[in-house]
Amino acid sequence: MRKLLVILILGLTSLLSEAAARWETVDAPDRMFTEMRSDPEAQAEMAVRDNFIYIAAPRPVTVKVFTILGQLISQTTLPAGIHRLPMSAKGIYIIKIGSSTRRVTI
């Protein structure tokens, strides 16, 4: 019974964290993305500012955000443009954009 309760709580936590993770389309300054290292395989540029993860993509890309423990926080396909994801908790996250993977610290 206790194991079932733990599984239910973890499942609800996962669902709530995915529901809370909403990407927004924004107009961000281009200079925000100049600090990121150039990656020839990257399908988009990424930056972290003020508890937001920003993604600038010239074409639609699939983006996945994981906690350092591997819990999926967000999975979506973003259209071309600049988008941001508000991060409520500080920590280390793994961002997968297409086939490129990066680690960020909030």
N, C-alpha and C. Protein backbone atom coordinates (compact mmCIF):
# COMPACT_ATOMS: atom_id res chain seq x y z
N MET A 1 0.82 -1.19 0.00
CA MET A 1 0.00 0.00 0.00
C MET A 1 0.87 1.26 0.00
N ARG A 2 1.92 1.23 0.79
CA ARG A 2 2.80 2.40 0.89
C ARG A 2 3.52 2.65 -0.44
N LYS A 3 3.94 1.57 -1.11
CA LYS A 3 4.60 1.71 -2.41
C LYS A 3 3.66 2.32 -3.43
N LEU A 4 2.41 1.92 -3.41
CA LEU A 4 1.42 2.45 -4.34
C LEU A 4 1.22 3.94 -4.10
N LEU A 5 1.18 4.35 -2.86
CA LEU A 5 1.03 5.76 -2.52
C LEU A 5 2.22 6.58 -3.01
N VAL A 6 3.42 6.06 -2.85
CA VAL A 6 4.62 6.74 -3.32
C VAL A 6 4.60 6.86 -4.84
N ILE A 7 4.20 5.82 -5.52
CA ILE A 7 4.11 5.85 -6.99
C ILE A 7 3.08 6.89 -7.44
N LEU A 8 1.95 6.95 -6.78
CA LEU A 8 0.92 7.94 -7.13
C LEU A 8 1.42 9.36 -6.90
N ILE A 9 2.10 9.58 -5.81
CA ILE A 9 2.63 10.92 -5.51
C ILE A 9 3.67 11.33 -6.54
N LEU A 10 4.58 10.41 -6.88
CA LEU A 10 5.59 10.73 -7.89
C LEU A 10 4.96 10.99 -9.25
N GLY A 11 3.95 10.23 -9.60
CA GLY A 11 3.26 10.43 -10.86
C GLY A 11 2.56 11.77 -10.93
N LEU A 12 1.87 12.14 -9.85
CA LEU A 12 1.20 13.44 -9.80
C LEU A 12 2.19 14.59 -9.84
N THR A 13 3.31 14.44 -9.14
CA THR A 13 4.34 15.47 -9.15
C THR A 13 4.88 15.66 -10.56
N SER A 14 5.10 14.58 -11.26
CA SER A 14 5.59 14.64 -12.63
C SER A 14 4.59 15.34 -13.54
N LEU A 15 3.32 14.98 -13.41
CA LEU A 15 2.29 15.60 -14.24
C LEU A 15 2.15 17.09 -13.95
N LEU A 16 2.20 17.45 -12.67
CA LEU A 16 2.08 18.86 -12.30
C LEU A 16 3.27 19.67 -12.77
N SER A 17 4.47 19.10 -12.71
CA SER A 17 5.64 19.84 -13.15
C SER A 17 5.62 20.04 -14.66
N GLU A 18 5.12 19.05 -15.42
CA GLU A 18 5.01 19.21 -16.86
C GLU A 18 3.94 20.23 -17.21
N ALA A 19 2.85 20.25 -16.46
CA ALA A 19 1.78 21.21 -16.74
C ALA A 19 2.23 22.62 -16.43
N ALA A 20 3.09 22.78 -15.43
CA ALA A 20 3.55 24.11 -15.03
C ALA A 20 4.60 24.66 -15.99
N ALA A 21 5.25 23.79 -16.74
CA ALA A 21 6.32 24.21 -17.65
C ALA A 21 5.70 24.64 -18.98
N ARG A 22 5.56 25.94 -19.18
CA ARG A 22 4.96 26.49 -20.39
C ARG A 22 5.95 27.39 -21.11
N TRP A 23 6.21 27.09 -22.36
CA TRP A 23 7.07 27.92 -23.18
C TRP A 23 6.30 29.14 -23.65
N GLU A 24 6.99 30.29 -23.66
CA GLU A 24 6.40 31.54 -24.12
C GLU A 24 7.22 32.06 -25.30
N THR A 25 6.56 32.66 -26.28
CA THR A 25 7.26 33.31 -27.38
C THR A 25 7.58 34.73 -26.94
N VAL A 26 8.83 35.16 -27.13
CA VAL A 26 9.26 36.48 -26.67
C VAL A 26 10.12 37.16 -27.74
N ASP A 27 10.31 38.46 -27.56
CA ASP A 27 11.26 39.22 -28.36
C ASP A 27 12.46 39.48 -27.46
N ALA A 28 13.50 38.70 -27.61
CA ALA A 28 14.70 38.85 -26.79
C ALA A 28 15.80 39.49 -27.64
N PRO A 29 16.67 40.26 -27.02
CA PRO A 29 17.76 40.86 -27.78
C PRO A 29 18.73 39.80 -28.32
N ASP A 30 19.21 40.03 -29.55
CA ASP A 30 20.13 39.08 -30.17
C ASP A 30 21.42 38.91 -29.38
N ARG A 31 21.85 39.96 -28.70
CA ARG A 31 23.12 39.87 -27.95
C ARG A 31 23.06 38.86 -26.81
N MET A 32 21.85 38.47 -26.41
CA MET A 32 21.69 37.48 -25.35
C MET A 32 22.34 36.16 -25.74
N PHE A 33 22.33 35.85 -27.02
CA PHE A 33 22.78 34.55 -27.49
C PHE A 33 24.25 34.56 -27.93
N THR A 34 24.94 35.69 -27.83
CA THR A 34 26.32 35.74 -28.28
C THR A 34 27.27 35.07 -27.30
N GLU A 35 26.84 34.85 -26.07
CA GLU A 35 27.72 34.26 -25.07
C GLU A 35 27.81 32.74 -25.19
N MET A 36 26.89 32.15 -25.92
CA MET A 36 26.89 30.69 -26.04
C MET A 36 27.95 30.25 -27.04
N ARG A 37 28.61 29.13 -26.74
CA ARG A 37 29.62 28.62 -27.66
C ARG A 37 28.95 28.10 -28.92
N SER A 38 29.64 28.22 -30.03
CA SER A 38 29.03 27.78 -31.29
C SER A 38 29.17 26.27 -31.39
N ASP A 39 28.11 25.64 -31.77
CA ASP A 39 28.05 24.18 -31.88
C ASP A 39 27.51 23.86 -33.27
N PRO A 40 28.34 23.32 -34.18
CA PRO A 40 27.88 23.09 -35.54
C PRO A 40 26.69 22.15 -35.65
N GLU A 41 26.52 21.26 -34.66
CA GLU A 41 25.40 20.32 -34.70
C GLU A 41 24.13 20.89 -34.07
N ALA A 42 24.26 22.02 -33.38
CA ALA A 42 23.10 22.60 -32.69
C ALA A 42 22.09 23.09 -33.71
N GLN A 43 20.83 22.83 -33.42
CA GLN A 43 19.76 23.27 -34.28
C GLN A 43 19.16 24.57 -33.78
N ALA A 44 19.67 25.08 -32.66
CA ALA A 44 19.17 26.31 -32.06
C ALA A 44 20.23 26.85 -31.11
N GLU A 45 20.05 28.11 -30.70
CA GLU A 45 20.93 28.70 -29.70
C GLU A 45 20.18 28.75 -28.38
N MET A 46 20.92 28.69 -27.27
CA MET A 46 20.30 28.66 -25.96
C MET A 46 21.03 29.62 -25.04
N ALA A 47 20.26 30.26 -24.14
CA ALA A 47 20.84 31.14 -23.13
C ALA A 47 20.01 31.01 -21.85
N VAL A 48 20.63 31.33 -20.72
CA VAL A 48 19.94 31.31 -19.43
C VAL A 48 20.07 32.69 -18.82
N ARG A 49 18.93 33.29 -18.46
CA ARG A 49 18.90 34.61 -17.84
C ARG A 49 17.72 34.70 -16.87
N ASP A 50 17.97 35.21 -15.68
CA ASP A 50 16.91 35.53 -14.72
C ASP A 50 15.87 34.43 -14.56
N ASN A 51 16.32 33.22 -14.29
CA ASN A 51 15.44 32.06 -14.08
C ASN A 51 14.60 31.68 -15.30
N PHE A 52 15.09 32.00 -16.49
CA PHE A 52 14.44 31.59 -17.73
C PHE A 52 15.47 30.88 -18.60
N ILE A 53 15.01 29.88 -19.33
CA ILE A 53 15.82 29.25 -20.38
C ILE A 53 15.29 29.78 -21.70
N TYR A 54 16.16 30.41 -22.48
CA TYR A 54 15.78 30.97 -23.77
C TYR A 54 16.30 30.07 -24.89
N ILE A 55 15.48 29.87 -25.91
CA ILE A 55 15.86 29.11 -27.09
C ILE A 55 15.55 29.97 -28.32
N ALA A 56 16.55 30.15 -29.18
CA ALA A 56 16.36 30.85 -30.46
C ALA A 56 16.57 29.82 -31.55
N ALA A 57 15.52 29.57 -32.34
CA ALA A 57 15.58 28.54 -33.37
C ALA A 57 15.20 29.12 -34.73
N PRO A 58 16.01 28.85 -35.75
CA PRO A 58 15.67 29.34 -37.09
C PRO A 58 14.58 28.50 -37.76
N ARG A 59 14.32 27.31 -37.21
CA ARG A 59 13.28 26.43 -37.75
C ARG A 59 12.70 25.62 -36.56
N PRO A 60 11.58 24.95 -36.75
CA PRO A 60 11.00 24.18 -35.64
C PRO A 60 11.99 23.15 -35.07
N VAL A 61 12.05 23.06 -33.74
CA VAL A 61 12.94 22.11 -33.08
C VAL A 61 12.19 21.44 -31.92
N THR A 62 12.59 20.21 -31.62
CA THR A 62 12.06 19.50 -30.46
C THR A 62 12.97 19.77 -29.28
N VAL A 63 12.39 20.22 -28.17
CA VAL A 63 13.16 20.56 -26.98
C VAL A 63 12.65 19.74 -25.80
N LYS A 64 13.59 19.13 -25.08
CA LYS A 64 13.27 18.40 -23.86
C LYS A 64 14.10 18.99 -22.73
N VAL A 65 13.48 19.18 -21.58
CA VAL A 65 14.16 19.69 -20.39
C VAL A 65 14.02 18.65 -19.29
N PHE A 66 15.17 18.26 -18.72
CA PHE A 66 15.21 17.25 -17.67
C PHE A 66 15.86 17.84 -16.42
N THR A 67 15.47 17.33 -15.25
CA THR A 67 16.22 17.64 -14.03
C THR A 67 17.51 16.85 -14.09
N ILE A 68 18.44 17.15 -13.20
CA ILE A 68 19.70 16.42 -13.17
C ILE A 68 19.47 14.96 -12.80
N LEU A 69 18.32 14.66 -12.19
CA LEU A 69 17.99 13.27 -11.83
C LEU A 69 17.28 12.54 -12.95
N GLY A 70 17.05 13.22 -14.08
CA GLY A 70 16.45 12.58 -15.24
C GLY A 70 14.95 12.71 -15.35
N GLN A 71 14.31 13.47 -14.47
CA GLN A 71 12.86 13.66 -14.55
C GLN A 71 12.55 14.65 -15.67
N LEU A 72 11.66 14.27 -16.57
CA LEU A 72 11.27 15.12 -17.68
C LEU A 72 10.40 16.26 -17.17
N ILE A 73 10.80 17.50 -17.45
CA ILE A 73 10.04 18.67 -17.02
C ILE A 73 9.21 19.21 -18.16
N SER A 74 9.79 19.24 -19.35
CA SER A 74 9.09 19.78 -20.51
C SER A 74 9.55 19.06 -21.77
N GLN A 75 8.60 18.78 -22.63
CA GLN A 75 8.90 18.21 -23.94
C GLN A 75 7.95 18.83 -24.93
N THR A 76 8.48 19.53 -25.93
CA THR A 76 7.64 20.19 -26.91
C THR A 76 8.40 20.45 -28.19
N THR A 77 7.68 20.72 -29.25
CA THR A 77 8.29 21.16 -30.49
C THR A 77 8.01 22.65 -30.62
N LEU A 78 9.08 23.44 -30.61
CA LEU A 78 8.94 24.89 -30.70
C LEU A 78 9.01 25.33 -32.15
N PRO A 79 8.16 26.27 -32.55
CA PRO A 79 8.26 26.81 -33.91
C PRO A 79 9.48 27.73 -34.00
N ALA A 80 9.81 28.17 -35.20
CA ALA A 80 10.93 29.09 -35.38
C ALA A 80 10.66 30.37 -34.59
N GLY A 81 11.71 30.93 -33.99
CA GLY A 81 11.57 32.15 -33.20
C GLY A 81 12.33 32.04 -31.90
N ILE A 82 12.05 32.98 -31.01
CA ILE A 82 12.70 33.01 -29.69
C ILE A 82 11.65 32.68 -28.64
N HIS A 83 11.97 31.72 -27.79
CA HIS A 83 11.03 31.23 -26.79
C HIS A 83 11.74 31.16 -25.44
N ARG A 84 10.95 31.23 -24.36
CA ARG A 84 11.54 31.08 -23.02
C ARG A 84 10.67 30.21 -22.15
N LEU A 85 11.34 29.54 -21.22
CA LEU A 85 10.68 28.67 -20.26
C LEU A 85 11.02 29.16 -18.86
N PRO A 86 10.02 29.58 -18.07
CA PRO A 86 10.32 30.00 -16.69
C PRO A 86 10.66 28.78 -15.83
N MET A 87 11.73 28.90 -15.07
CA MET A 87 12.15 27.82 -14.17
C MET A 87 11.91 28.27 -12.74
N SER A 88 11.04 27.57 -12.04
CA SER A 88 10.67 27.96 -10.69
C SER A 88 11.71 27.56 -9.65
N ALA A 89 12.49 26.53 -9.95
CA ALA A 89 13.46 26.04 -8.97
C ALA A 89 14.89 26.17 -9.51
N LYS A 90 15.78 26.62 -8.66
CA LYS A 90 17.18 26.69 -9.04
C LYS A 90 17.76 25.29 -9.04
N GLY A 91 18.75 25.08 -9.90
CA GLY A 91 19.37 23.77 -9.96
C GLY A 91 20.07 23.55 -11.28
N ILE A 92 20.43 22.31 -11.53
CA ILE A 92 21.10 21.93 -12.76
C ILE A 92 20.09 21.18 -13.62
N TYR A 93 20.01 21.57 -14.89
CA TYR A 93 19.07 20.97 -15.82
C TYR A 93 19.79 20.49 -17.07
N ILE A 94 19.24 19.49 -17.70
CA ILE A 94 19.75 18.97 -18.97
C ILE A 94 18.77 19.39 -20.05
N ILE A 95 19.27 20.07 -21.09
CA ILE A 95 18.44 20.54 -22.19
C ILE A 95 18.83 19.77 -23.44
N LYS A 96 17.87 19.15 -24.06
CA LYS A 96 18.12 18.43 -25.31
C LYS A 96 17.35 19.15 -26.41
N ILE A 97 18.10 19.70 -27.38
CA ILE A 97 17.52 20.40 -28.52
C ILE A 97 17.86 19.58 -29.75
N GLY A 98 16.87 18.91 -30.31
CA GLY A 98 17.15 18.00 -31.42
C GLY A 98 18.10 16.92 -30.96
N SER A 99 19.29 16.84 -31.57
CA SER A 99 20.27 15.82 -31.18
C SER A 99 21.38 16.40 -30.30
N SER A 100 21.32 17.69 -30.00
CA SER A 100 22.33 18.35 -29.18
C SER A 100 21.87 18.39 -27.72
N THR A 101 22.78 18.09 -26.79
CA THR A 101 22.45 18.09 -25.36
C THR A 101 23.40 19.02 -24.62
N ARG A 102 22.84 19.82 -23.71
CA ARG A 102 23.65 20.75 -22.90
C ARG A 102 23.16 20.73 -21.45
N ARG A 103 24.09 21.08 -20.57
CA ARG A 103 23.78 21.18 -19.14
C ARG A 103 23.76 22.67 -18.80
N VAL A 104 22.72 23.10 -18.05
CA VAL A 104 22.65 24.50 -17.63
C VAL A 104 22.41 24.56 -16.13
N THR A 105 22.83 25.66 -15.54
CA THR A 105 22.62 25.89 -14.12
C THR A 105 21.77 27.14 -13.96
N ILE A 106 20.70 27.03 -13.21
CA ILE A 106 19.80 28.15 -12.95
C ILE A 106 20.09 28.65 -11.55
